[in-house]
Amino acid sequence: MSTDLRTTNEEFSMTRFWAGLEQKVQVTMRRDRTNLGDLSASDKIFTSLQLTRDEARELALDLFKFAQGQEQEDV
């Protein structure tokens, strides 16, 4: 069973779902690029990312650093 979650941005949606042993979140956005090579029918319209709670936490920290202009380049 899945549950849609509220977001602060209309550009993407978030869905919580059960993935066997743990809950995950799927972040879905409309795809705006057309030159990405061979894609399935749904991949031509949407792109998504599925994360565990730990992965979401780590990504959120990195995205927050980027939003604050504090990201570090991987050299």
Protein backbone atom coordinates (compact mmCIF):
# COMPACT_ATOMS: atom_id res chain seq x y z
CA MET A 1 0.00 0.00 0.00
CA SER A 2 1.26 3.49 -0.78
CA THR A 3 0.46 6.94 0.58
CA ASP A 4 0.88 10.28 -1.18
CA LEU A 5 2.78 12.80 0.95
CA ARG A 6 2.45 16.58 1.02
CA THR A 7 5.23 18.59 -0.58
CA THR A 8 6.09 22.28 -0.60
CA ASN A 9 6.67 22.26 -4.36
CA GLU A 10 4.22 21.50 -7.17
CA GLU A 11 7.07 20.38 -9.46
CA PHE A 12 7.35 16.98 -7.78
CA SER A 13 5.29 14.48 -5.82
CA MET A 14 6.27 12.13 -3.01
CA THR A 15 4.81 8.71 -2.27
CA ARG A 16 5.62 6.55 0.75
CA PHE A 17 5.49 2.79 0.18
CA TRP A 18 6.50 -0.48 1.79
CA ALA A 19 9.45 -2.20 0.11
CA GLY A 20 9.73 -5.58 1.77
CA LEU A 21 11.65 -4.91 4.98
CA GLU A 22 11.42 -1.13 5.12
CA GLN A 23 9.49 1.94 4.05
CA LYS A 24 10.73 3.97 1.12
CA VAL A 25 9.79 7.24 -0.50
CA GLN A 26 9.46 7.80 -4.23
CA VAL A 27 10.01 11.31 -5.55
CA THR A 28 8.48 11.79 -9.01
CA MET A 29 8.91 14.70 -11.44
CA ARG A 30 7.77 15.35 -14.99
CA ARG A 31 10.59 14.79 -17.46
CA ASP A 32 11.35 17.81 -19.61
CA ARG A 33 14.23 16.47 -21.67
CA THR A 34 13.68 14.56 -24.89
CA ASN A 35 17.25 13.58 -25.86
CA LEU A 36 17.86 10.86 -23.26
CA GLY A 37 18.07 7.84 -25.57
CA ASP A 38 15.86 4.76 -25.38
CA LEU A 39 13.35 5.01 -22.54
CA SER A 40 10.23 3.09 -21.55
CA ALA A 41 6.86 4.75 -22.17
CA SER A 42 6.49 6.00 -18.57
CA ASP A 43 10.14 7.13 -18.42
CA LYS A 44 9.45 9.45 -21.37
CA ILE A 45 6.96 11.34 -19.20
CA PHE A 46 8.24 10.98 -15.61
CA THR A 47 11.49 10.44 -13.76
CA SER A 48 11.63 9.12 -10.22
CA LEU A 49 13.97 8.32 -7.37
CA GLN A 50 13.27 5.72 -4.67
CA LEU A 51 15.01 6.11 -1.31
CA THR A 52 15.06 4.50 2.12
CA ARG A 53 14.70 6.81 5.11
CA ASP A 54 18.49 6.77 5.65
CA GLU A 55 19.17 7.54 1.98
CA ALA A 56 16.58 10.34 2.04
CA ARG A 57 18.21 11.83 5.15
CA GLU A 58 21.69 11.78 3.57
CA LEU A 59 20.42 13.25 0.29
CA ALA A 60 18.46 15.95 2.15
CA LEU A 61 21.64 17.07 3.90
CA ASP A 62 23.54 17.27 0.61
CA LEU A 63 20.68 19.14 -1.09
CA PHE A 64 20.45 21.56 1.83
CA LYS A 65 24.16 22.31 1.49
CA PHE A 66 23.64 22.95 -2.23
CA ALA A 67 20.66 25.22 -1.56
CA GLN A 68 22.76 27.23 0.91
CA GLY A 69 25.68 27.51 -1.52
CA GLN A 70 27.83 25.32 0.75
CA GLU A 71 28.27 22.30 -1.54
CA GLN A 72 31.75 20.89 -1.98
CA GLU A 73 33.13 19.63 -5.27
CA ASP A 74 34.28 16.02 -5.42
CA VAL A 75 37.85 16.36 -6.66
